[in-house]
Amino acid sequence: MKEYYFFGWATADAPAVTNTYPGIATPRDLYDALTDVWCAETCSPRMRDNWS
């Protein structure tokens, strides 16, 4: 199983209410999608030095 680092990850298997976003069926799927687009460039410029 993939390791997650957000609060509540162990029980984040609640199904989506709708199929509006294909491929995002649980909070873990959403987390995966967001981590693919999060990067230093999406961080506030004043905080980029501390981005990880």
PDB file of N, CA and C in Angstrom:
ATOM      1  N   MET A   1       0.844  -1.189   0.000  1.00  0.00           N
ATOM      2  CA  MET A   1       0.000   0.000   0.000  1.00  0.00           C
ATOM      3  C   MET A   1       0.883   1.243   0.000  1.00  0.00           C
ATOM      4  N   LYS A   2       0.473   2.236  -0.734  1.00  0.00           N
ATOM      5  CA  LYS A   2       1.196   3.493  -0.808  1.00  0.00           C
ATOM      6  C   LYS A   2       1.155   4.210   0.536  1.00  0.00           C
ATOM      7  N   GLU A   3       2.231   4.915   0.861  1.00  0.00           N
ATOM      8  CA  GLU A   3       2.269   5.675   2.113  1.00  0.00           C
ATOM      9  C   GLU A   3       1.692   7.073   1.887  1.00  0.00           C
ATOM     10  N   TYR A   4       0.846   7.490   2.807  1.00  0.00           N
ATOM     11  CA  TYR A   4       0.254   8.818   2.751  1.00  0.00           C
ATOM     12  C   TYR A   4       0.638   9.585   3.998  1.00  0.00           C
ATOM     13  N   TYR A   5       0.628  10.914   3.876  1.00  0.00           N
ATOM     14  CA  TYR A   5       1.062  11.752   4.983  1.00  0.00           C
ATOM     15  C   TYR A   5       0.069  12.866   5.293  1.00  0.00           C
ATOM     16  N   PHE A   6      -1.217  12.574   5.160  1.00  0.00           N
ATOM     17  CA  PHE A   6      -2.194  13.587   5.537  1.00  0.00           C
ATOM     18  C   PHE A   6      -3.057  13.038   6.670  1.00  0.00           C
ATOM     19  N   PHE A   7      -3.588  13.949   7.461  1.00  0.00           N
ATOM     20  CA  PHE A   7      -4.395  13.566   8.611  1.00  0.00           C
ATOM     21  C   PHE A   7      -5.610  12.776   8.161  1.00  0.00           C
ATOM     22  N   GLY A   8      -5.810  11.616   8.728  1.00  0.00           N
ATOM     23  CA  GLY A   8      -6.957  10.790   8.416  1.00  0.00           C
ATOM     24  C   GLY A   8      -6.754   9.842   7.250  1.00  0.00           C
ATOM     25  N   TRP A   9      -5.544   9.726   6.745  1.00  0.00           N
ATOM     26  CA  TRP A   9      -5.287   8.909   5.560  1.00  0.00           C
ATOM     27  C   TRP A   9      -5.697   7.451   5.743  1.00  0.00           C
ATOM     28  N   ALA A  10      -5.566   6.924   6.951  1.00  0.00           N
ATOM     29  CA  ALA A  10      -5.851   5.502   7.181  1.00  0.00           C
ATOM     30  C   ALA A  10      -7.320   5.148   6.946  1.00  0.00           C
ATOM     31  N   THR A  11      -8.195   6.112   7.111  1.00  0.00           N
ATOM     32  CA  THR A  11      -9.624   5.848   6.910  1.00  0.00           C
ATOM     33  C   THR A  11     -10.188   6.660   5.743  1.00  0.00           C
ATOM     34  N   ALA A  12      -9.319   7.122   4.867  1.00  0.00           N
ATOM     35  CA  ALA A  12      -9.741   7.975   3.746  1.00  0.00           C
ATOM     36  C   ALA A  12     -10.188   7.138   2.551  1.00  0.00           C
ATOM     37  N   ASP A  13     -11.142   6.265   2.784  1.00  0.00           N
ATOM     38  CA  ASP A  13     -11.642   5.431   1.703  1.00  0.00           C
ATOM     39  C   ASP A  13     -13.134   5.656   1.446  1.00  0.00           C
ATOM     40  N   ALA A  14     -13.645   6.790   1.911  1.00  0.00           N
ATOM     41  CA  ALA A  14     -15.052   7.127   1.672  1.00  0.00           C
ATOM     42  C   ALA A  14     -15.247   7.360   0.176  1.00  0.00           C
ATOM     43  N   PRO A  15     -16.293   6.797  -0.404  1.00  0.00           N
ATOM     44  CA  PRO A  15     -16.515   6.966  -1.840  1.00  0.00           C
ATOM     45  C   PRO A  15     -16.995   8.374  -2.173  1.00  0.00           C
ATOM     46  N   ALA A  16     -16.675   8.795  -3.379  1.00  0.00           N
ATOM     47  CA  ALA A  16     -17.148  10.096  -3.860  1.00  0.00           C
ATOM     48  C   ALA A  16     -18.672  10.073  -3.967  1.00  0.00           C
ATOM     49  N   VAL A  17     -19.294  11.217  -3.803  1.00  0.00           N
ATOM     50  CA  VAL A  17     -20.751  11.328  -3.865  1.00  0.00           C
ATOM     51  C   VAL A  17     -21.227  11.280  -5.318  1.00  0.00           C
ATOM     52  N   THR A  18     -20.419  11.828  -6.237  1.00  0.00           N
ATOM     53  CA  THR A  18     -20.770  11.825  -7.661  1.00  0.00           C
ATOM     54  C   THR A  18     -19.572  11.348  -8.475  1.00  0.00           C
ATOM     55  N   ASN A  19     -19.783  11.174  -9.758  1.00  0.00           N
ATOM     56  CA  ASN A  19     -18.704  10.800 -10.672  1.00  0.00           C
ATOM     57  C   ASN A  19     -18.245  11.994 -11.495  1.00  0.00           C
ATOM     58  N   THR A  20     -18.387  13.187 -10.934  1.00  0.00           N
ATOM     59  CA  THR A  20     -18.044  14.411 -11.652  1.00  0.00           C
ATOM     60  C   THR A  20     -16.588  14.419 -12.093  1.00  0.00           C
ATOM     61  N   TYR A  21     -15.702  13.863 -11.277  1.00  0.00           N
ATOM     62  CA  TYR A  21     -14.277  13.857 -11.580  1.00  0.00           C
ATOM     63  C   TYR A  21     -13.802  12.414 -11.742  1.00  0.00           C
ATOM     64  N   PRO A  22     -13.796  11.922 -12.962  1.00  0.00           N
ATOM     65  CA  PRO A  22     -13.372  10.533 -13.194  1.00  0.00           C
ATOM     66  C   PRO A  22     -11.961  10.293 -12.654  1.00  0.00           C
ATOM     67  N   GLY A  23     -11.775   9.175 -12.008  1.00  0.00           N
ATOM     68  CA  GLY A  23     -10.464   8.844 -11.451  1.00  0.00           C
ATOM     69  C   GLY A  23     -10.283   9.305 -10.019  1.00  0.00           C
ATOM     70  N   ILE A  24     -11.203  10.118  -9.520  1.00  0.00           N
ATOM     71  CA  ILE A  24     -11.125  10.574  -8.133  1.00  0.00           C
ATOM     72  C   ILE A  24     -12.342  10.016  -7.404  1.00  0.00           C
ATOM     73  N   ALA A  25     -12.142   8.835  -6.833  1.00  0.00           N
ATOM     74  CA  ALA A  25     -13.249   8.140  -6.182  1.00  0.00           C
ATOM     75  C   ALA A  25     -13.164   8.174  -4.662  1.00  0.00           C
ATOM     76  N   THR A  26     -11.990   8.530  -4.124  1.00  0.00           N
ATOM     77  CA  THR A  26     -11.795   8.582  -2.677  1.00  0.00           C
ATOM     78  C   THR A  26     -10.897   9.772  -2.336  1.00  0.00           C
ATOM     79  N   PRO A  27     -10.827  10.155  -1.070  1.00  0.00           N
ATOM     80  CA  PRO A  27      -9.900  11.218  -0.682  1.00  0.00           C
ATOM     81  C   PRO A  27      -8.439  10.888  -1.034  1.00  0.00           C
ATOM     82  N   ARG A  28      -8.087   9.630  -0.999  1.00  0.00           N
ATOM     83  CA  ARG A  28      -6.714   9.255  -1.384  1.00  0.00           C
ATOM     84  C   ARG A  28      -6.470   9.548  -2.856  1.00  0.00           C
ATOM     85  N   ASP A  29      -7.464   9.292  -3.700  1.00  0.00           N
ATOM     86  CA  ASP A  29      -7.334   9.616  -5.124  1.00  0.00           C
ATOM     87  C   ASP A  29      -7.156  11.116  -5.323  1.00  0.00           C
ATOM     88  N   LEU A  30      -7.899  11.900  -4.574  1.00  0.00           N
ATOM     89  CA  LEU A  30      -7.775  13.352  -4.653  1.00  0.00           C
ATOM     90  C   LEU A  30      -6.381  13.787  -4.225  1.00  0.00           C
ATOM     91  N   TYR A  31      -5.890  13.221  -3.147  1.00  0.00           N
ATOM     92  CA  TYR A  31      -4.546  13.536  -2.671  1.00  0.00           C
ATOM     93  C   TYR A  31      -3.517  13.214  -3.754  1.00  0.00           C
ATOM     94  N   ASP A  32      -3.659  12.056  -4.387  1.00  0.00           N
ATOM     95  CA  ASP A  32      -2.732  11.673  -5.459  1.00  0.00           C
ATOM     96  C   ASP A  32      -2.765  12.681  -6.602  1.00  0.00           C
ATOM     97  N   ALA A  33      -3.953  13.102  -6.994  1.00  0.00           N
ATOM     98  CA  ALA A  33      -4.087  14.073  -8.082  1.00  0.00           C
ATOM     99  C   ALA A  33      -3.454  15.412  -7.710  1.00  0.00           C
ATOM    100  N   LEU A  34      -3.677  15.852  -6.495  1.00  0.00           N
ATOM    101  CA  LEU A  34      -3.122  17.135  -6.072  1.00  0.00           C
ATOM    102  C   LEU A  34      -1.610  17.100  -5.939  1.00  0.00           C
ATOM    103  N   THR A  35      -1.063  15.995  -5.452  1.00  0.00           N
ATOM    104  CA  THR A  35       0.395  15.935  -5.308  1.00  0.00           C
ATOM    105  C   THR A  35       1.079  15.902  -6.667  1.00  0.00           C
ATOM    106  N   ASP A  36       0.359  15.517  -7.714  1.00  0.00           N
ATOM    107  CA  ASP A  36       0.939  15.563  -9.055  1.00  0.00           C
ATOM    108  C   ASP A  36       1.078  16.990  -9.579  1.00  0.00           C
ATOM    109  N   VAL A  37       0.282  17.922  -9.069  1.00  0.00           N
ATOM    110  CA  VAL A  37       0.345  19.302  -9.554  1.00  0.00           C
ATOM    111  C   VAL A  37       0.985  20.274  -8.559  1.00  0.00           C
ATOM    112  N   TRP A  38       1.133  19.875  -7.298  1.00  0.00           N
ATOM    113  CA  TRP A  38       1.767  20.752  -6.328  1.00  0.00           C
ATOM    114  C   TRP A  38       3.268  20.799  -6.583  1.00  0.00           C
ATOM    115  N   CYS A  39       3.818  21.984  -6.595  1.00  0.00           N
ATOM    116  CA  CYS A  39       5.256  22.130  -6.761  1.00  0.00           C
ATOM    117  C   CYS A  39       5.658  23.495  -6.203  1.00  0.00           C
ATOM    118  N   ALA A  40       6.927  23.771  -6.204  1.00  0.00           N
ATOM    119  CA  ALA A  40       7.411  25.041  -5.664  1.00  0.00           C
ATOM    120  C   ALA A  40       6.785  26.232  -6.388  1.00  0.00           C
ATOM    121  N   GLU A  41       6.536  26.084  -7.685  1.00  0.00           N
ATOM    122  CA  GLU A  41       5.955  27.183  -8.461  1.00  0.00           C
ATOM    123  C   GLU A  41       4.507  27.473  -8.075  1.00  0.00           C
ATOM    124  N   THR A  42       3.814  26.517  -7.463  1.00  0.00           N
ATOM    125  CA  THR A  42       2.435  26.745  -7.036  1.00  0.00           C
ATOM    126  C   THR A  42       2.369  27.273  -5.610  1.00  0.00           C
ATOM    127  N   CYS A  43       3.506  27.356  -4.974  1.00  0.00           N
ATOM    128  CA  CYS A  43       3.605  27.867  -3.603  1.00  0.00           C
ATOM    129  C   CYS A  43       3.691  29.389  -3.640  1.00  0.00           C
ATOM    130  N   SER A  44       3.235  30.019  -2.596  1.00  0.00           N
ATOM    131  CA  SER A  44       3.349  31.467  -2.482  1.00  0.00           C
ATOM    132  C   SER A  44       4.826  31.870  -2.615  1.00  0.00           C
ATOM    133  N   PRO A  45       5.134  32.894  -3.416  1.00  0.00           N
ATOM    134  CA  PRO A  45       6.531  33.285  -3.616  1.00  0.00           C
ATOM    135  C   PRO A  45       7.293  33.531  -2.312  1.00  0.00           C
ATOM    136  N   ARG A  46       6.633  34.088  -1.325  1.00  0.00           N
ATOM    137  CA  ARG A  46       7.336  34.380  -0.073  1.00  0.00           C
ATOM    138  C   ARG A  46       7.661  33.121   0.719  1.00  0.00           C
ATOM    139  N   MET A  47       7.062  31.995   0.364  1.00  0.00           N
ATOM    140  CA  MET A  47       7.284  30.760   1.105  1.00  0.00           C
ATOM    141  C   MET A  47       8.061  29.713   0.310  1.00  0.00           C
ATOM    142  N   ARG A  48       8.452  30.018  -0.908  1.00  0.00           N
ATOM    143  CA  ARG A  48       9.107  29.023  -1.768  1.00  0.00           C
ATOM    144  C   ARG A  48      10.405  28.486  -1.195  1.00  0.00           C
ATOM    145  N   ASP A  49      11.136  29.305  -0.462  1.00  0.00           N
ATOM    146  CA  ASP A  49      12.393  28.819   0.128  1.00  0.00           C
ATOM    147  C   ASP A  49      12.175  27.691   1.121  1.00  0.00           C
ATOM    148  N   ASN A  50      10.972  27.615   1.693  1.00  0.00           N
ATOM    149  CA  ASN A  50      10.666  26.572   2.684  1.00  0.00           C
ATOM    150  C   ASN A  50       9.829  25.437   2.121  1.00  0.00           C
ATOM    151  N   TRP A  51       9.534  25.494   0.808  1.00  0.00           N
ATOM    152  CA  TRP A  51       8.685  24.467   0.210  1.00  0.00           C
ATOM    153  C   TRP A  51       9.395  23.122   0.188  1.00  0.00           C
ATOM    154  N   SER A  52       8.641  22.079   0.465  1.00  0.00           N
ATOM    155  CA  SER A  52       9.227  20.728   0.389  1.00  0.00           C
ATOM    156  C   SER A  52       8.227  19.776  -0.234  1.00  0.00           C
TER     157      SER A  52
END
